[in-house]
Amino acid sequence: MLHDILILLVGLLLGAVIGFFGARLFMKKYLKKNPPINEDMIKALMMQMGRKPNQKQINQMMKAMEKYQ
């Protein structure tokens, strides 16, 4: 009985660790392939709002976005 519970707990722990690192690897690959936002997207967004952004404003927005990632 104690042996079965121990095997169950070890299996759950091992599954959680493998799942965590697998999900982490998957998300790293996904974000590298599909970045959430880039300079061109920021520039297009500001142009749609009726503003012509300069490079300083784009850099400020990129730093603000990276802060929250």
N, C-alpha and C. Protein backbone atom coordinates (compact mmCIF):
# COMPACT_ATOMS: atom_id res chain seq x y z
N MET A 1 0.82 -1.19 0.00
CA MET A 1 0.00 0.00 0.00
C MET A 1 0.87 1.26 0.00
N LEU A 2 1.82 1.34 0.92
CA LEU A 2 2.72 2.49 0.98
C LEU A 2 3.56 2.58 -0.29
N HIS A 3 3.93 1.43 -0.81
CA HIS A 3 4.71 1.36 -2.05
C HIS A 3 3.92 1.95 -3.21
N ASP A 4 2.63 1.66 -3.30
CA ASP A 4 1.79 2.18 -4.38
C ASP A 4 1.64 3.69 -4.30
N ILE A 5 1.47 4.20 -3.10
CA ILE A 5 1.32 5.64 -2.91
C ILE A 5 2.62 6.36 -3.28
N LEU A 6 3.73 5.77 -2.89
CA LEU A 6 5.03 6.35 -3.22
C LEU A 6 5.26 6.39 -4.73
N ILE A 7 4.91 5.32 -5.41
CA ILE A 7 5.04 5.27 -6.88
C ILE A 7 4.14 6.33 -7.52
N LEU A 8 2.93 6.49 -7.01
CA LEU A 8 2.00 7.49 -7.53
C LEU A 8 2.57 8.91 -7.35
N LEU A 9 3.08 9.21 -6.18
CA LEU A 9 3.63 10.54 -5.93
C LEU A 9 4.87 10.82 -6.78
N VAL A 10 5.73 9.84 -6.93
CA VAL A 10 6.92 10.01 -7.77
C VAL A 10 6.50 10.21 -9.23
N GLY A 11 5.51 9.46 -9.67
CA GLY A 11 5.01 9.60 -11.04
C GLY A 11 4.41 10.96 -11.29
N LEU A 12 3.62 11.47 -10.34
CA LEU A 12 3.03 12.80 -10.48
C LEU A 12 4.11 13.89 -10.50
N LEU A 13 5.07 13.76 -9.62
CA LEU A 13 6.15 14.74 -9.57
C LEU A 13 6.97 14.73 -10.86
N LEU A 14 7.30 13.56 -11.32
CA LEU A 14 8.07 13.43 -12.56
C LEU A 14 7.27 13.97 -13.75
N GLY A 15 5.99 13.68 -13.81
CA GLY A 15 5.14 14.20 -14.89
C GLY A 15 5.04 15.71 -14.86
N ALA A 16 4.94 16.28 -13.67
CA ALA A 16 4.86 17.73 -13.55
C ALA A 16 6.16 18.39 -14.02
N VAL A 17 7.29 17.83 -13.65
CA VAL A 17 8.58 18.40 -14.05
C VAL A 17 8.76 18.31 -15.56
N ILE A 18 8.48 17.15 -16.12
CA ILE A 18 8.61 16.97 -17.57
C ILE A 18 7.63 17.88 -18.31
N GLY A 19 6.41 17.98 -17.81
CA GLY A 19 5.42 18.86 -18.43
C GLY A 19 5.83 20.31 -18.39
N PHE A 20 6.38 20.75 -17.27
CA PHE A 20 6.82 22.14 -17.14
C PHE A 20 7.90 22.47 -18.16
N PHE A 21 8.94 21.63 -18.23
CA PHE A 21 10.03 21.92 -19.15
C PHE A 21 9.61 21.75 -20.61
N GLY A 22 8.71 20.82 -20.87
CA GLY A 22 8.20 20.66 -22.23
C GLY A 22 7.40 21.88 -22.67
N ALA A 23 6.53 22.37 -21.80
CA ALA A 23 5.73 23.56 -22.12
C ALA A 23 6.63 24.79 -22.28
N ARG A 24 7.65 24.89 -21.44
CA ARG A 24 8.58 26.01 -21.53
C ARG A 24 9.33 26.01 -22.86
N LEU A 25 9.80 24.84 -23.27
CA LEU A 25 10.50 24.72 -24.54
C LEU A 25 9.57 25.07 -25.71
N PHE A 26 8.33 24.58 -25.65
CA PHE A 26 7.35 24.86 -26.70
C PHE A 26 7.09 26.36 -26.80
N MET A 27 6.90 27.04 -25.66
CA MET A 27 6.59 28.47 -25.69
C MET A 27 7.79 29.29 -26.18
N LYS A 28 9.00 28.89 -25.82
CA LYS A 28 10.18 29.60 -26.33
C LYS A 28 10.25 29.52 -27.84
N LYS A 29 10.03 28.32 -28.39
CA LYS A 29 10.05 28.16 -29.84
C LYS A 29 8.94 28.96 -30.49
N TYR A 30 7.74 28.94 -29.91
CA TYR A 30 6.60 29.66 -30.46
C TYR A 30 6.84 31.16 -30.47
N LEU A 31 7.35 31.70 -29.37
CA LEU A 31 7.59 33.14 -29.31
C LEU A 31 8.74 33.57 -30.20
N LYS A 32 9.70 32.71 -30.42
CA LYS A 32 10.79 33.05 -31.35
C LYS A 32 10.25 33.08 -32.78
N LYS A 33 9.36 32.16 -33.11
CA LYS A 33 8.80 32.08 -34.45
C LYS A 33 7.75 33.17 -34.67
N ASN A 34 6.97 33.49 -33.65
CA ASN A 34 5.89 34.48 -33.74
C ASN A 34 6.05 35.52 -32.64
N PRO A 35 6.93 36.49 -32.83
CA PRO A 35 7.13 37.49 -31.77
C PRO A 35 5.84 38.27 -31.54
N PRO A 36 5.58 38.64 -30.29
CA PRO A 36 4.31 39.29 -29.98
C PRO A 36 4.16 40.66 -30.63
N ILE A 37 5.21 41.45 -30.71
CA ILE A 37 5.12 42.76 -31.34
C ILE A 37 6.53 43.20 -31.75
N ASN A 38 6.60 43.95 -32.84
CA ASN A 38 7.90 44.45 -33.29
C ASN A 38 7.77 45.92 -33.68
N GLU A 39 8.86 46.52 -34.11
CA GLU A 39 8.87 47.95 -34.41
C GLU A 39 7.91 48.31 -35.54
N ASP A 40 7.82 47.45 -36.55
CA ASP A 40 6.92 47.73 -37.67
C ASP A 40 5.47 47.76 -37.21
N MET A 41 5.11 46.86 -36.30
CA MET A 41 3.74 46.85 -35.79
C MET A 41 3.43 48.12 -35.00
N ILE A 42 4.39 48.57 -34.19
CA ILE A 42 4.19 49.79 -33.42
C ILE A 42 4.03 50.98 -34.35
N LYS A 43 4.88 51.02 -35.38
CA LYS A 43 4.81 52.13 -36.34
C LYS A 43 3.46 52.14 -37.06
N ALA A 44 2.99 50.98 -37.48
CA ALA A 44 1.70 50.89 -38.16
C ALA A 44 0.57 51.29 -37.23
N LEU A 45 0.65 50.88 -35.99
CA LEU A 45 -0.40 51.23 -35.03
C LEU A 45 -0.46 52.74 -34.81
N MET A 46 0.69 53.37 -34.66
CA MET A 46 0.71 54.82 -34.44
C MET A 46 0.25 55.56 -35.70
N MET A 47 0.59 55.04 -36.87
CA MET A 47 0.13 55.67 -38.11
C MET A 47 -1.39 55.58 -38.23
N GLN A 48 -1.97 54.46 -37.79
CA GLN A 48 -3.43 54.31 -37.83
C GLN A 48 -4.11 55.29 -36.88
N MET A 49 -3.42 55.65 -35.80
CA MET A 49 -3.98 56.61 -34.85
C MET A 49 -3.78 58.06 -35.31
N GLY A 50 -3.14 58.23 -36.47
CA GLY A 50 -2.96 59.56 -37.02
C GLY A 50 -1.69 60.26 -36.58
N ARG A 51 -0.72 59.51 -36.09
CA ARG A 51 0.56 60.08 -35.66
C ARG A 51 1.68 59.53 -36.52
N LYS A 52 2.63 60.39 -36.83
CA LYS A 52 3.82 59.92 -37.54
C LYS A 52 4.93 59.78 -36.50
N PRO A 53 5.22 58.55 -36.10
CA PRO A 53 6.19 58.36 -35.01
C PRO A 53 7.63 58.53 -35.49
N ASN A 54 8.46 59.06 -34.61
CA ASN A 54 9.89 59.09 -34.90
C ASN A 54 10.54 57.89 -34.21
N GLN A 55 11.81 57.68 -34.47
CA GLN A 55 12.49 56.49 -33.95
C GLN A 55 12.56 56.49 -32.42
N LYS A 56 12.66 57.68 -31.83
CA LYS A 56 12.72 57.77 -30.36
C LYS A 56 11.41 57.26 -29.75
N GLN A 57 10.28 57.63 -30.33
CA GLN A 57 8.99 57.18 -29.81
C GLN A 57 8.84 55.66 -29.97
N ILE A 58 9.30 55.15 -31.10
CA ILE A 58 9.21 53.70 -31.34
C ILE A 58 10.07 52.96 -30.32
N ASN A 59 11.28 53.48 -30.06
CA ASN A 59 12.17 52.84 -29.08
C ASN A 59 11.55 52.87 -27.68
N GLN A 60 10.90 53.98 -27.33
CA GLN A 60 10.24 54.08 -26.02
C GLN A 60 9.13 53.03 -25.90
N MET A 61 8.36 52.87 -26.95
CA MET A 61 7.27 51.88 -26.93
C MET A 61 7.83 50.46 -26.84
N MET A 62 8.92 50.19 -27.55
CA MET A 62 9.53 48.85 -27.49
C MET A 62 10.03 48.56 -26.08
N LYS A 63 10.67 49.54 -25.43
CA LYS A 63 11.14 49.33 -24.06
C LYS A 63 9.98 49.09 -23.12
N ALA A 64 8.88 49.82 -23.32
CA ALA A 64 7.71 49.63 -22.47
C ALA A 64 7.11 48.24 -22.67
N MET A 65 7.09 47.76 -23.91
CA MET A 65 6.55 46.42 -24.19
C MET A 65 7.45 45.34 -23.60
N GLU A 66 8.76 45.50 -23.72
CA GLU A 66 9.70 44.50 -23.19
C GLU A 66 9.63 44.44 -21.66
N LYS A 67 9.30 45.55 -21.05
CA LYS A 67 9.20 45.60 -19.60
C LYS A 67 8.11 44.65 -19.09
N TYR A 68 7.03 44.50 -19.85
CA TYR A 68 5.90 43.69 -19.42
C TYR A 68 5.94 42.27 -19.96
N GLN A 69 7.00 41.89 -20.64
CA GLN A 69 7.09 40.51 -21.15
C GLN A 69 7.85 39.63 -20.23
